[in-house]
């Protein structure tokens, strides 16, 4: 049978329902078309061991490109209605007007909506919080009078409504849970904090740390910042800080910036580069690098920096930790929750603070070695196996609460 079979045959759905002994989970992948949301679903299903939770079947509705990336399992059914390969309006219309009936026809017991927006009438429904920008006015308003500001404001409204409506909400960090509820108020649905996992190819044990005096203009000490160039990522402050540190110490430092860009933020970065590195001697902007190549970028760095001021769960920080690098990190958002005492912190909007953190780390090879080992061990605890188990266990718990009974 084709993995993309699409049917409204309610009789088949009811017959399937009558023969099973466990529950059926539906997954709305309507708007999971790229990035972290799609990676999360791919890994969640790859690692799933549903027999542990009394789950018979998982039905996923999504676009063909997304479904092609999901590993084939005997319990996994993939559904691709034509609208889900259409534009945003077509996908949104289908989700609002057809998904709930499709879920009932498939005998779904609990519907998982990881995209964070849902306007149907199916219950119980479990959703996820993935984006903190709509819930932080200070960060949102960095975009000024723009289409993106309007979009984020709209998401604040629609996601708040979804969270209030849902029977279960998955948060990636405690910081995100608290931040969302400051906007929505206390949520009536069940909540769980379930961090993402991490791909094992990023895991690279810490290397021997060398004294900064062993580096030279021919062998630069390389500071790496992986992230989209955006208003809340503050790459320009990092550039200014490294320029100040080079001038103060004479250390042979290079800064590698990796990531796609939001055009207005890239213009700001370009102005900063013209001011602090007009001859292109020590700052290297590599642009976007394919996700499956990123681990090699980390492997060539000496120190990782993460200067974001708004995150839900900072996967890049986690990857930097797993790569065995000493880390200098923003003290904002959930970064201290993830990194703990395994890094040196700074205020990402104050270059002087960034300078102090980098100087403290770089001048002591012993400190770098100690913190890199601690952060590396922390990062190994973020597995997709754990994420998958906790997520499906939570869905069963929501189903049980909604129905007032136990399946297993």
Foldseek 3Di string as FASTA:
>chain_A
DDLADADLQLVVLVVVLVPAQAAEEEEECLPVDDDDLLVLVQLLQVLDDCVVARYQAYEYEADPVSVVSHDDDPRYGYHYDPLSNDDPVSSVCCQAPPPQSVCVSNRHLEYEYAVLAHNHDDPQYEYEDFFCLLLDVVNLCLVPPDPSSVVSVVSLVRNLVVQQPHQEYEAQDVLSVVSNCVSNPDHPHHYDHFHAFADPLLAAAADQFDALVVADLVRAQEEEEEDEQDSQFLVLLVLVLVLVLCVVPVGRYAYEYEEAYDVVSVVVNVVSCCVRPVPPRGYHYPHYDDPVCVSVVLLPHAAYETQGQTGRDPNVVLSNLSNLHAYEYEPHGCVCVQLPPLHHYAHSVHSVRVNVRVCVQNNDSVSGNVSSNVSNVSSNVRHSSSSSVVVVNVSQVSSCVVVVHHSD
